[in-house]
Amino acid sequence: MTIYKITAVPSRFLEIFNSYYDYEYQNGEYVSDKDYEALNAEVEHFNTNVSKAVTIKLEEV
């Protein structure tokens, strides 16, 4: 099982991400591999279309 960590720089972008998708992730929170694929697609969409930069990352731990 692979574990990922969601991070945002600056951290206020995670608040925007949570609001955009109605989530409650905390900066540095761990995410399981079963949620990775769908969440990664949402992170890519958010970074490309909302923040216009890489502000949210999913990193393998």
PDB file of N, CA and C in Angstrom:
ATOM      1  N   MET A   1       0.845  -1.176   0.000  1.00  0.00           N
ATOM      2  CA  MET A   1       0.000   0.000   0.000  1.00  0.00           C
ATOM      3  C   MET A   1       0.892   1.242   0.000  1.00  0.00           C
ATOM      4  N   THR A   2       0.594   2.148  -0.894  1.00  0.00           N
ATOM      5  CA  THR A   2       1.356   3.385  -0.999  1.00  0.00           C
ATOM      6  C   THR A   2       0.604   4.508  -0.301  1.00  0.00           C
ATOM      7  N   ILE A   3       1.328   5.324   0.411  1.00  0.00           N
ATOM      8  CA  ILE A   3       0.746   6.462   1.121  1.00  0.00           C
ATOM      9  C   ILE A   3       1.265   7.740   0.475  1.00  0.00           C
ATOM     10  N   TYR A   4       0.383   8.722   0.351  1.00  0.00           N
ATOM     11  CA  TYR A   4       0.725  10.021  -0.215  1.00  0.00           C
ATOM     12  C   TYR A   4       0.420  11.102   0.805  1.00  0.00           C
ATOM     13  N   LYS A   5       1.041  12.247   0.609  1.00  0.00           N
ATOM     14  CA  LYS A   5       0.802  13.393   1.485  1.00  0.00           C
ATOM     15  C   LYS A   5       0.373  14.559   0.603  1.00  0.00           C
ATOM     16  N   ILE A   6      -0.710  15.241   1.001  1.00  0.00           N
ATOM     17  CA  ILE A   6      -1.174  16.410   0.269  1.00  0.00           C
ATOM     18  C   ILE A   6      -0.621  17.659   0.949  1.00  0.00           C
ATOM     19  N   THR A   7      -0.007  18.518   0.143  1.00  0.00           N
ATOM     20  CA  THR A   7       0.553  19.761   0.672  1.00  0.00           C
ATOM     21  C   THR A   7       0.204  20.917  -0.261  1.00  0.00           C
ATOM     22  N   ALA A   8       0.185  22.101   0.312  1.00  0.00           N
ATOM     23  CA  ALA A   8      -0.093  23.307  -0.457  1.00  0.00           C
ATOM     24  C   ALA A   8       0.884  24.399  -0.073  1.00  0.00           C
ATOM     25  N   VAL A   9       1.365  25.115  -1.089  1.00  0.00           N
ATOM     26  CA  VAL A   9       2.253  26.255  -0.860  1.00  0.00           C
ATOM     27  C   VAL A   9       1.764  27.396  -1.734  1.00  0.00           C
ATOM     28  N   PRO A  10       1.369  28.498  -1.162  1.00  0.00           N
ATOM     29  CA  PRO A  10       1.139  28.728   0.262  1.00  0.00           C
ATOM     30  C   PRO A  10      -0.085  27.950   0.753  1.00  0.00           C
ATOM     31  N   SER A  11      -0.162  27.751   2.046  1.00  0.00           N
ATOM     32  CA  SER A  11      -1.191  26.877   2.625  1.00  0.00           C
ATOM     33  C   SER A  11      -2.617  27.355   2.389  1.00  0.00           C
ATOM     34  N   ARG A  12      -2.805  28.639   2.131  1.00  0.00           N
ATOM     35  CA  ARG A  12      -4.172  29.130   1.890  1.00  0.00           C
ATOM     36  C   ARG A  12      -4.787  28.490   0.650  1.00  0.00           C
ATOM     37  N   PHE A  13      -3.958  27.988  -0.273  1.00  0.00           N
ATOM     38  CA  PHE A  13      -4.500  27.334  -1.455  1.00  0.00           C
ATOM     39  C   PHE A  13      -5.197  26.023  -1.112  1.00  0.00           C
ATOM     40  N   LEU A  14      -4.819  25.382  -0.024  1.00  0.00           N
ATOM     41  CA  LEU A  14      -5.523  24.168   0.383  1.00  0.00           C
ATOM     42  C   LEU A  14      -6.920  24.527   0.870  1.00  0.00           C
ATOM     43  N   GLU A  15      -7.064  25.658   1.512  1.00  0.00           N
ATOM     44  CA  GLU A  15      -8.398  26.128   1.917  1.00  0.00           C
ATOM     45  C   GLU A  15      -9.266  26.372   0.685  1.00  0.00           C
ATOM     46  N   ILE A  16      -8.688  26.969  -0.339  1.00  0.00           N
ATOM     47  CA  ILE A  16      -9.426  27.212  -1.590  1.00  0.00           C
ATOM     48  C   ILE A  16      -9.771  25.885  -2.259  1.00  0.00           C
ATOM     49  N   PHE A  17      -8.814  24.960  -2.301  1.00  0.00           N
ATOM     50  CA  PHE A  17      -9.033  23.624  -2.868  1.00  0.00           C
ATOM     51  C   PHE A  17     -10.171  22.915  -2.128  1.00  0.00           C
ATOM     52  N   ASN A  18     -10.131  22.947  -0.800  1.00  0.00           N
ATOM     53  CA  ASN A  18     -11.182  22.316   0.007  1.00  0.00           C
ATOM     54  C   ASN A  18     -12.545  22.927  -0.280  1.00  0.00           C
ATOM     55  N   SER A  19     -12.588  24.216  -0.411  1.00  0.00           N
ATOM     56  CA  SER A  19     -13.848  24.897  -0.713  1.00  0.00           C
ATOM     57  C   SER A  19     -14.336  24.535  -2.112  1.00  0.00           C
ATOM     58  N   TYR A  20     -13.426  24.498  -3.058  1.00  0.00           N
ATOM     59  CA  TYR A  20     -13.751  24.203  -4.458  1.00  0.00           C
ATOM     60  C   TYR A  20     -14.344  22.810  -4.603  1.00  0.00           C
ATOM     61  N   TYR A  21     -13.789  21.828  -3.885  1.00  0.00           N
ATOM     62  CA  TYR A  21     -14.229  20.436  -3.986  1.00  0.00           C
ATOM     63  C   TYR A  21     -15.032  19.955  -2.775  1.00  0.00           C
ATOM     64  N   ASP A  22     -15.309  20.832  -1.822  1.00  0.00           N
ATOM     65  CA  ASP A  22     -16.037  20.475  -0.608  1.00  0.00           C
ATOM     66  C   ASP A  22     -15.323  19.355   0.161  1.00  0.00           C
ATOM     67  N   TYR A  23     -14.014  19.541   0.355  1.00  0.00           N
ATOM     68  CA  TYR A  23     -13.187  18.626   1.132  1.00  0.00           C
ATOM     69  C   TYR A  23     -12.778  19.288   2.438  1.00  0.00           C
ATOM     70  N   GLU A  24     -12.080  18.509   3.292  1.00  0.00           N
ATOM     71  CA  GLU A  24     -11.579  19.029   4.557  1.00  0.00           C
ATOM     72  C   GLU A  24     -10.142  18.587   4.796  1.00  0.00           C
ATOM     73  N   TYR A  25      -9.326  18.550   3.753  1.00  0.00           N
ATOM     74  CA  TYR A  25      -7.925  18.149   3.908  1.00  0.00           C
ATOM     75  C   TYR A  25      -7.148  19.199   4.689  1.00  0.00           C
ATOM     76  N   GLN A  26      -6.188  18.728   5.467  1.00  0.00           N
ATOM     77  CA  GLN A  26      -5.266  19.583   6.199  1.00  0.00           C
ATOM     78  C   GLN A  26      -3.909  19.504   5.518  1.00  0.00           C
ATOM     79  N   ASN A  27      -3.156  20.589   5.556  1.00  0.00           N
ATOM     80  CA  ASN A  27      -1.837  20.604   4.942  1.00  0.00           C
ATOM     81  C   ASN A  27      -0.958  19.539   5.598  1.00  0.00           C
ATOM     82  N   GLY A  28      -0.386  18.650   4.786  1.00  0.00           N
ATOM     83  CA  GLY A  28       0.447  17.567   5.292  1.00  0.00           C
ATOM     84  C   GLY A  28      -0.320  16.302   5.626  1.00  0.00           C
ATOM     85  N   GLU A  29      -1.611  16.274   5.355  1.00  0.00           N
ATOM     86  CA  GLU A  29      -2.428  15.094   5.660  1.00  0.00           C
ATOM     87  C   GLU A  29      -2.062  13.937   4.734  1.00  0.00           C
ATOM     88  N   TYR A  30      -2.100  12.738   5.276  1.00  0.00           N
ATOM     89  CA  TYR A  30      -1.799  11.543   4.499  1.00  0.00           C
ATOM     90  C   TYR A  30      -3.041  11.073   3.751  1.00  0.00           C
ATOM     91  N   VAL A  31      -2.804  10.548   2.533  1.00  0.00           N
ATOM     92  CA  VAL A  31      -3.877  10.085   1.655  1.00  0.00           C
ATOM     93  C   VAL A  31      -3.517   8.668   1.215  1.00  0.00           C
ATOM     94  N   SER A  32      -4.480   7.762   1.259  1.00  0.00           N
ATOM     95  CA  SER A  32      -4.210   6.374   0.870  1.00  0.00           C
ATOM     96  C   SER A  32      -4.186   6.240  -0.648  1.00  0.00           C
ATOM     97  N   ASP A  33      -3.588   5.154  -1.109  1.00  0.00           N
ATOM     98  CA  ASP A  33      -3.492   4.939  -2.549  1.00  0.00           C
ATOM     99  C   ASP A  33      -4.853   4.703  -3.199  1.00  0.00           C
ATOM    100  N   LYS A  34      -5.844   4.258  -2.434  1.00  0.00           N
ATOM    101  CA  LYS A  34      -7.177   4.048  -3.021  1.00  0.00           C
ATOM    102  C   LYS A  34      -7.841   5.369  -3.399  1.00  0.00           C
ATOM    103  N   ASP A  35      -7.453   6.459  -2.751  1.00  0.00           N
ATOM    104  CA  ASP A  35      -8.006   7.777  -3.065  1.00  0.00           C
ATOM    105  C   ASP A  35      -7.116   8.569  -4.026  1.00  0.00           C
ATOM    106  N   TYR A  36      -5.919   8.065  -4.274  1.00  0.00           N
ATOM    107  CA  TYR A  36      -4.917   8.830  -5.019  1.00  0.00           C
ATOM    108  C   TYR A  36      -5.358   9.196  -6.437  1.00  0.00           C
ATOM    109  N   GLU A  37      -5.836   8.246  -7.198  1.00  0.00           N
ATOM    110  CA  GLU A  37      -6.116   8.492  -8.617  1.00  0.00           C
ATOM    111  C   GLU A  37      -7.145   9.602  -8.825  1.00  0.00           C
ATOM    112  N   ALA A  38      -8.266   9.518  -8.143  1.00  0.00           N
ATOM    113  CA  ALA A  38      -9.304  10.543  -8.287  1.00  0.00           C
ATOM    114  C   ALA A  38      -8.822  11.885  -7.732  1.00  0.00           C
ATOM    115  N   LEU A  39      -8.154  11.847  -6.585  1.00  0.00           N
ATOM    116  CA  LEU A  39      -7.669  13.084  -5.978  1.00  0.00           C
ATOM    117  C   LEU A  39      -6.588  13.727  -6.836  1.00  0.00           C
ATOM    118  N   ASN A  40      -5.721  12.928  -7.433  1.00  0.00           N
ATOM    119  CA  ASN A  40      -4.675  13.467  -8.286  1.00  0.00           C
ATOM    120  C   ASN A  40      -5.279  14.185  -9.499  1.00  0.00           C
ATOM    121  N   ALA A  41      -6.338  13.649 -10.071  1.00  0.00           N
ATOM    122  CA  ALA A  41      -7.005  14.307 -11.200  1.00  0.00           C
ATOM    123  C   ALA A  41      -7.581  15.655 -10.760  1.00  0.00           C
ATOM    124  N   GLU A  42      -8.140  15.708  -9.565  1.00  0.00           N
ATOM    125  CA  GLU A  42      -8.689  16.971  -9.057  1.00  0.00           C
ATOM    126  C   GLU A  42      -7.581  17.977  -8.754  1.00  0.00           C
ATOM    127  N   VAL A  43      -6.460  17.505  -8.233  1.00  0.00           N
ATOM    128  CA  VAL A  43      -5.321  18.382  -7.970  1.00  0.00           C
ATOM    129  C   VAL A  43      -4.798  18.961  -9.283  1.00  0.00           C
ATOM    130  N   GLU A  44      -4.661  18.121 -10.303  1.00  0.00           N
ATOM    131  CA  GLU A  44      -4.194  18.588 -11.613  1.00  0.00           C
ATOM    132  C   GLU A  44      -5.142  19.641 -12.183  1.00  0.00           C
ATOM    133  N   HIS A  45      -6.439  19.379 -12.096  1.00  0.00           N
ATOM    134  CA  HIS A  45      -7.437  20.337 -12.589  1.00  0.00           C
ATOM    135  C   HIS A  45      -7.340  21.657 -11.829  1.00  0.00           C
ATOM    136  N   PHE A  46      -7.249  21.579 -10.522  1.00  0.00           N
ATOM    137  CA  PHE A  46      -7.163  22.778  -9.686  1.00  0.00           C
ATOM    138  C   PHE A  46      -5.913  23.585 -10.015  1.00  0.00           C
ATOM    139  N   ASN A  47      -4.772  22.915 -10.098  1.00  0.00           N
ATOM    140  CA  ASN A  47      -3.515  23.612 -10.381  1.00  0.00           C
ATOM    141  C   ASN A  47      -3.538  24.272 -11.768  1.00  0.00           C
ATOM    142  N   THR A  48      -4.144  23.617 -12.730  1.00  0.00           N
ATOM    143  CA  THR A  48      -4.167  24.126 -14.099  1.00  0.00           C
ATOM    144  C   THR A  48      -5.212  25.217 -14.300  1.00  0.00           C
ATOM    145  N   ASN A  49      -6.408  25.006 -13.763  1.00  0.00           N
ATOM    146  CA  ASN A  49      -7.536  25.872 -14.093  1.00  0.00           C
ATOM    147  C   ASN A  49      -7.932  26.881 -13.022  1.00  0.00           C
ATOM    148  N   VAL A  50      -7.561  26.648 -11.796  1.00  0.00           N
ATOM    149  CA  VAL A  50      -7.975  27.545 -10.712  1.00  0.00           C
ATOM    150  C   VAL A  50      -6.790  28.400 -10.252  1.00  0.00           C
ATOM    151  N   SER A  51      -5.743  27.753  -9.779  1.00  0.00           N
ATOM    152  CA  SER A  51      -4.608  28.524  -9.248  1.00  0.00           C
ATOM    153  C   SER A  51      -3.631  28.953 -10.340  1.00  0.00           C
ATOM    154  N   LYS A  52      -3.681  28.295 -11.498  1.00  0.00           N
ATOM    155  CA  LYS A  52      -2.800  28.610 -12.637  1.00  0.00           C
ATOM    156  C   LYS A  52      -1.324  28.390 -12.316  1.00  0.00           C
ATOM    157  N   ALA A  53      -1.053  27.596 -11.294  1.00  0.00           N
ATOM    158  CA  ALA A  53       0.318  27.250 -10.902  1.00  0.00           C
ATOM    159  C   ALA A  53       0.255  25.981 -10.049  1.00  0.00           C
ATOM    160  N   VAL A  54       1.396  25.377  -9.808  1.00  0.00           N
ATOM    161  CA  VAL A  54       1.442  24.181  -8.961  1.00  0.00           C
ATOM    162  C   VAL A  54       1.432  24.645  -7.508  1.00  0.00           C
ATOM    163  N   THR A  55       0.250  24.664  -6.930  1.00  0.00           N
ATOM    164  CA  THR A  55       0.098  25.087  -5.544  1.00  0.00           C
ATOM    165  C   THR A  55      -0.248  23.918  -4.625  1.00  0.00           C
ATOM    166  N   ILE A  56      -0.851  22.874  -5.188  1.00  0.00           N
ATOM    167  CA  ILE A  56      -1.211  21.666  -4.431  1.00  0.00           C
ATOM    168  C   ILE A  56      -0.382  20.530  -4.978  1.00  0.00           C
ATOM    169  N   LYS A  57       0.207  19.731  -4.073  1.00  0.00           N
ATOM    170  CA  LYS A  57       1.006  18.576  -4.486  1.00  0.00           C
ATOM    171  C   LYS A  57       0.572  17.346  -3.723  1.00  0.00           C
ATOM    172  N   LEU A  58       0.628  16.218  -4.410  1.00  0.00           N
ATOM    173  CA  LEU A  58       0.480  14.906  -3.790  1.00  0.00           C
ATOM    174  C   LEU A  58       1.830  14.218  -3.920  1.00  0.00           C
ATOM    175  N   GLU A  59       2.467  13.967  -2.804  1.00  0.00           N
ATOM    176  CA  GLU A  59       3.797  13.379  -2.816  1.00  0.00           C
ATOM    177  C   GLU A  59       3.773  12.007  -2.150  1.00  0.00           C
ATOM    178  N   GLU A  60       4.451  11.048  -2.759  1.00  0.00           N
ATOM    179  CA  GLU A  60       4.559   9.723  -2.170  1.00  0.00           C
ATOM    180  C   GLU A  60       5.444   9.793  -0.936  1.00  0.00           C
ATOM    181  N   VAL A  61       4.988   9.136   0.122  1.00  0.00           N
ATOM    182  CA  VAL A  61       5.725   9.139   1.389  1.00  0.00           C
ATOM    183  C   VAL A  61       6.571   7.895   1.481  1.00  0.00           C
TER     184      VAL A  61
END
